[in-house]
Protein backbone atom coordinates (compact mmCIF):
# COMPACT_ATOMS: atom_id res chain seq x y z
CA MET A 1 170.59 143.86 95.85
CA ASP A 2 170.24 147.32 97.40
CA ARG A 3 167.89 146.64 100.33
CA ALA A 4 167.67 150.28 101.42
CA ALA A 5 166.81 151.56 97.93
CA LEU A 6 164.29 148.77 97.40
CA ALA A 7 162.56 149.41 100.71
CA ASP A 8 162.42 153.17 100.20
CA PHE A 9 161.13 152.83 96.63
CA LEU A 10 158.35 150.41 97.64
CA ARG A 11 157.27 152.63 100.52
CA ARG A 12 157.20 155.81 98.44
CA ARG A 13 155.30 154.21 95.57
CA ARG A 14 152.78 152.74 98.04
CA GLU A 15 152.25 156.11 99.69
CA ALA A 16 151.77 157.79 96.29
CA LEU A 17 148.77 155.61 95.45
CA GLN A 18 145.19 156.14 96.58
CA PRO A 19 142.64 153.33 96.96
CA GLU A 20 140.66 154.57 93.95
CA ASP A 21 143.83 154.33 91.84
CA VAL A 22 143.77 150.54 92.16
CA GLY A 23 140.03 149.92 92.25
CA LEU A 24 139.67 149.72 96.05
CA PRO A 25 136.92 151.47 98.02
CA VAL A 26 138.05 154.63 99.81
CA GLY A 27 136.46 153.52 103.07
CA VAL A 28 136.96 155.28 106.38
CA ARG A 29 139.39 158.10 106.94
CA ARG A 30 143.02 156.97 106.77
CA ARG A 31 145.67 158.03 109.24
CA ALA A 32 148.56 157.55 106.78
CA PRO A 33 148.86 158.58 103.11
CA GLY A 34 148.51 156.10 100.30
CA LEU A 35 147.73 152.41 100.42
CA ARG A 36 148.16 150.19 103.44
CA ARG A 37 150.79 147.48 103.34
CA GLU A 38 148.17 144.76 103.52
CA GLU A 39 146.42 146.26 100.49
CA VAL A 40 149.58 146.17 98.39
CA ALA A 41 150.26 142.61 99.54
CA SER A 42 146.75 141.56 98.57
CA LEU A 43 147.04 143.17 95.14
CA ALA A 44 150.40 141.46 94.61
CA VAL A 45 149.07 138.09 95.87
CA MET A 46 151.62 137.71 98.68
CA SER A 47 151.54 137.70 102.46
CA THR A 48 151.49 140.99 104.34
CA ASP A 49 154.40 139.76 106.44
CA TYR A 50 156.55 139.15 103.37
CA TYR A 51 155.80 142.57 101.91
CA THR A 52 156.39 144.27 105.27
CA ARG A 53 159.81 142.65 105.56
CA LEU A 54 160.75 144.04 102.13
CA GLU A 55 159.83 147.56 103.24
CA GLN A 56 161.79 147.07 106.46
CA GLN A 57 164.93 145.83 104.69
CA ARG A 58 164.56 142.40 106.31
CA GLY A 59 163.26 140.29 103.45
CA PRO A 60 165.10 137.87 101.16
CA GLN A 61 165.91 138.83 97.59
CA PRO A 62 162.55 138.81 95.77
CA SER A 63 162.23 136.65 92.67
CA GLU A 64 161.39 138.06 89.26
CA HIS A 65 157.89 136.66 89.68
CA ILE A 66 157.46 138.60 92.94
CA LEU A 67 158.80 141.76 91.31
CA ALA A 68 156.39 141.43 88.41
CA SER A 69 153.51 141.12 90.88
CA LEU A 70 154.69 144.17 92.80
CA ALA A 71 155.05 146.19 89.59
CA ARG A 72 151.43 145.42 88.72
CA ALA A 73 150.16 146.11 92.23
CA LEU A 74 151.96 149.47 92.45
CA ARG A 75 150.99 150.44 88.89
CA LEU A 76 154.61 151.12 87.91
CA THR A 77 155.59 152.59 84.58
CA GLY A 78 158.14 150.79 82.41
CA ASP A 79 161.01 152.89 83.76
CA GLU A 80 159.87 152.40 87.36
CA ARG A 81 159.54 148.65 86.80
CA ASN A 82 163.09 148.47 85.40
CA TYR A 83 164.41 150.39 88.42
CA LEU A 84 162.59 148.00 90.77
CA TYR A 85 164.25 145.00 89.13
CA ARG A 86 167.71 146.55 89.25
CA VAL A 87 167.67 147.59 92.92
CA ALA A 88 166.39 144.09 93.73
CA GLY A 89 169.46 142.61 92.02
CA HIS A 90 167.89 141.44 88.74
CA ASN A 91 168.26 142.49 85.13
CA ALA A 92 165.34 144.50 83.82
CA PRO A 93 162.95 142.53 81.56
CA VAL A 94 163.56 142.82 77.83
CA PRO A 95 161.29 145.42 76.15
CA LEU A 96 159.12 142.90 74.31
CA SER A 97 158.53 140.64 77.30
CA SER A 98 154.84 141.46 77.32
CA SER A 99 153.98 138.69 79.76
CA VAL A 100 156.06 140.28 82.55
CA HIS A 101 154.66 143.77 83.05
CA VAL A 102 151.05 144.85 82.63
CA ALA A 103 150.55 148.29 81.11
CA PRO A 104 149.41 150.68 83.89
CA ALA A 105 146.90 152.37 81.59
CA LEU A 106 145.10 149.05 81.02
CA LEU A 107 145.18 148.29 84.73
CA ARG A 108 143.54 151.63 85.53
CA VAL A 109 140.65 150.78 83.23
CA LEU A 110 140.40 147.23 84.55
CA ASP A 111 140.24 148.52 88.13
CA ARG A 112 136.97 150.29 87.28
CA LEU A 113 135.30 147.28 85.70
CA ASP A 114 133.74 145.31 88.53
CA ASP A 115 130.35 144.47 87.04
CA THR A 116 131.42 142.77 83.80
CA PRO A 117 134.11 140.22 82.86
CA ALA A 118 137.42 141.82 81.84
CA CYS A 119 141.03 140.72 81.61
CA VAL A 120 144.39 141.81 80.24
CA LEU A 121 146.00 139.44 77.73
CA SER A 122 149.45 139.32 76.20
CA ASP A 123 149.81 139.04 72.44
CA LEU A 124 150.31 135.29 72.96
CA GLY A 125 146.93 134.96 74.64
CA GLU A 126 148.34 134.75 78.18
CA THR A 127 146.02 136.05 80.89
CA LEU A 128 148.15 138.59 82.75
CA VAL A 129 145.42 139.74 85.13
CA GLN A 130 141.65 139.19 85.31
CA ASN A 131 138.88 140.58 87.45
CA ARG A 132 136.56 138.52 89.61
CA MET A 133 133.86 138.36 86.94
CA ALA A 134 136.27 137.05 84.30
CA ALA A 135 137.53 134.36 86.67
CA ALA A 136 133.95 133.32 87.41
CA LEU A 137 133.02 133.18 83.73
CA LEU A 138 136.20 131.79 82.18
CA GLY A 139 137.95 130.11 85.10
CA ASP A 140 140.92 131.23 87.18
CA ALA A 141 143.86 131.40 84.74
CA SER A 142 146.54 131.93 87.39
CA GLY A 143 147.28 128.22 87.69
CA TYR A 144 148.57 127.72 84.16
CA THR A 145 152.32 127.43 83.62
CA GLY A 146 154.70 127.15 80.69
CA LEU A 147 153.20 127.11 77.20
CA ALA A 148 149.79 126.32 78.70
CA ARG A 149 149.59 129.95 79.86
CA SER A 150 148.77 130.77 76.24
CA ALA A 151 145.12 130.34 75.28
CA VAL A 152 146.32 129.70 71.72
CA TYR A 153 148.35 126.72 72.89
CA ARG A 154 145.49 125.36 74.98
CA TRP A 155 143.03 125.80 72.11
CA PHE A 156 145.00 123.43 69.89
CA THR A 157 146.16 120.96 72.56
CA ASP A 158 143.45 120.74 75.24
CA PRO A 159 139.91 119.69 74.19
CA LEU A 160 138.48 121.27 77.36
CA GLU A 161 139.48 124.70 76.09
CA ARG A 162 136.97 124.37 73.25
CA SER A 163 134.09 123.30 75.46
CA ARG A 164 133.10 126.91 76.15
CA TYR A 165 132.37 127.56 72.44
CA PRO A 166 129.49 126.16 70.38
CA GLU A 167 130.77 123.57 67.94
CA ALA A 168 129.59 125.61 64.94
CA ASP A 169 131.82 128.54 65.98
CA ARG A 170 135.04 126.64 66.68
CA ASP A 171 136.50 126.75 63.17
CA ARG A 172 136.13 130.53 63.07
CA HIS A 173 137.79 130.83 66.45
CA SER A 174 140.66 128.57 65.36
CA ARG A 175 141.40 130.86 62.41
CA ALA A 176 141.20 133.94 64.61
CA GLN A 177 143.62 132.45 67.14
CA VAL A 178 146.18 131.64 64.44
CA ALA A 179 145.80 135.02 62.73
CA SER A 180 146.37 136.80 66.03
CA LEU A 181 149.43 134.69 66.80
CA ARG A 182 150.90 135.48 63.38
CA ALA A 183 150.58 139.18 64.16
CA ALA A 184 152.56 138.61 67.37
CA TYR A 185 155.08 136.47 65.46
CA GLY A 186 155.60 139.27 62.97
CA LEU A 187 156.22 141.74 65.80
CA ARG A 188 158.51 139.56 67.91
CA GLY A 189 160.34 137.43 65.33
CA PRO A 190 161.12 133.69 65.01
CA ARG A 191 163.54 133.56 67.96
CA SER A 192 161.01 134.98 70.41
CA PRO A 193 158.52 133.15 72.66
CA ALA A 194 156.03 133.60 69.81
CA GLY A 195 158.38 131.67 67.51
CA LYS A 196 158.77 128.89 70.07
CA LEU A 197 154.99 128.65 70.44
CA VAL A 198 154.54 128.44 66.66
CA ARG A 199 157.16 125.72 66.26
CA THR A 200 155.67 123.67 69.09
CA LEU A 201 152.13 123.89 67.71
CA GLN A 202 153.29 123.02 64.19
CA LYS A 203 154.61 119.74 65.58
CA THR A 204 151.69 118.92 67.88
CA SER A 205 148.62 120.09 65.94
CA GLY A 206 147.89 119.30 62.32
CA GLU A 207 145.03 121.77 62.39
CA PHE A 208 147.32 124.56 63.52
CA ALA A 209 149.98 123.69 60.94
CA GLU A 210 147.40 123.84 58.15
CA LEU A 211 145.98 127.17 59.31
CA TRP A 212 149.45 128.64 59.79
CA GLU A 213 150.23 128.05 56.13
CA ARG A 214 147.35 130.36 55.13
CA HIS A 215 149.36 133.36 56.38
CA GLU A 216 146.28 135.12 57.73
CA VAL A 217 147.13 138.08 59.96
CA ALA A 218 144.55 139.89 62.06
CA GLN A 219 143.84 141.29 65.50
CA ARG A 220 140.22 141.55 66.57
CA PHE A 221 139.20 144.89 68.04
CA GLU A 222 135.62 143.76 68.52
CA ASP A 223 133.65 140.57 68.16
CA HIS A 224 130.35 138.95 69.04
CA LYS A 225 130.50 135.46 70.43
CA THR A 226 128.59 132.82 72.32
CA LEU A 227 130.25 131.36 75.41
CA ILE A 228 129.02 128.23 77.16
CA HIS A 229 129.20 128.32 80.94
CA SER A 230 128.98 124.99 82.75
CA GLU A 231 126.10 126.15 84.99
CA LEU A 232 124.63 129.25 83.34
CA GLY A 233 124.53 127.82 79.83
CA ALA A 234 124.98 129.94 76.70
CA LEU A 235 125.77 133.65 76.96
CA GLU A 236 125.67 135.97 73.93
CA LEU A 237 128.42 138.51 74.55
CA ASP A 238 130.00 141.46 72.81
CA CYS A 239 133.79 141.53 73.09
CA GLN A 240 135.65 144.83 72.91
CA ALA A 241 139.45 144.99 72.85
CA LEU A 242 141.65 147.90 73.85
CA PHE A 243 145.29 147.54 72.72
CA THR A 244 148.45 149.15 74.03
CA GLU A 245 150.31 151.31 71.54
CA ASP A 246 152.81 148.56 70.71
CA GLN A 247 149.99 145.99 70.31
CA SER A 248 151.62 143.67 72.87
CA GLN A 249 148.77 143.70 75.41
CA THR A 250 144.99 143.81 75.19
CA LEU A 251 142.27 144.70 77.63
CA LEU A 252 139.33 142.44 76.74
CA VAL A 253 135.89 143.44 78.02
CA LEU A 254 132.82 141.18 77.71
CA THR A 255 129.36 142.73 77.91
CA ALA A 256 125.77 141.89 77.06
CA PRO A 257 123.02 144.29 75.92
CA PRO A 258 120.69 145.41 78.73
CA ARG A 259 117.41 143.56 79.24
CA THR A 260 118.68 140.43 77.48
CA GLU A 261 118.88 136.94 78.92
CA SER A 262 122.68 137.06 78.77
CA HIS A 263 122.71 140.34 80.68
CA GLU A 264 120.67 138.74 83.43
CA LYS A 265 123.08 135.80 83.51
CA LEU A 266 126.02 138.16 83.96
CA ARG A 267 124.18 139.83 86.84
CA LEU A 268 123.67 136.39 88.42
CA LEU A 269 127.34 135.64 87.91
CA ALA A 270 128.25 138.89 89.67
CA VAL A 271 126.18 137.87 92.70
CA LEU A 272 127.35 134.28 92.90
CA GLY A 273 130.93 134.97 91.87
CA LEU A 274 133.85 132.61 91.73
CA ASP A 275 133.03 130.86 95.00
CA ARG A 276 129.82 129.41 93.60
CA PHE A 277 131.62 127.97 90.60
CA ALA A 278 134.88 127.09 92.32
CA GLY A 279 134.40 123.42 91.54
CA ALA A 280 133.95 124.01 87.83
CA GLU A 281 136.66 123.14 85.34
CA HIS A 282 138.84 125.78 83.69
CA TYR A 283 137.32 127.00 80.45
């Protein structure tokens, strides 16, 4: 671990960013360039003291999880992310490890979406980052670990995952989930995390095994769906997906037409936010 190089790199990348680059209000005049340390710490979901110690060459060796959070917070490119890992004493993530590093271009768009649910997903259906509206609508996905991070896995193993969809629409969603996973499987190969997920689901879900044998392959760029919220009820939403060039990550944006009941429900959700629904189950 090169503490001096790590500290200098973090400081320079922090100073190169402006609040509007990461979706923060500009606020009052700043005495120093770039973001404040506490702002980077908040974006990376860590304590300000821990981040400050890293910049001052006093911190412990950061874990790969911490580095991934810092790479997202500082909007690092792939090359910059790899450099961060190496000076911190870790091997750089493999190129197809889409659940490790969020594409900066998708993050820049997500930063500007504060009035409608939006999130970035891996090709395995893992929520890599979500805005406040998405957490309020779909539940905070940060607590999932292991295979349960994948919405595909939860769909076929956890009945609660299906509770947010009308019963009449669940078969269609099951086929779409499997078709999307097969696209990821084709990209990554049988020895990848996608292959492990497929093998596990083939053993645990007869429904998945049957659908997998159909060899349907598809990625949805847009869709119209009904979601059931535990307190707001049914919302009719349009889903638009923006993919990275290698198809490994997706920015999913959920909207409702103006002057509709669902649009008004989203506005209510924006006001009440996650705190109001903090006691609700994950969707």
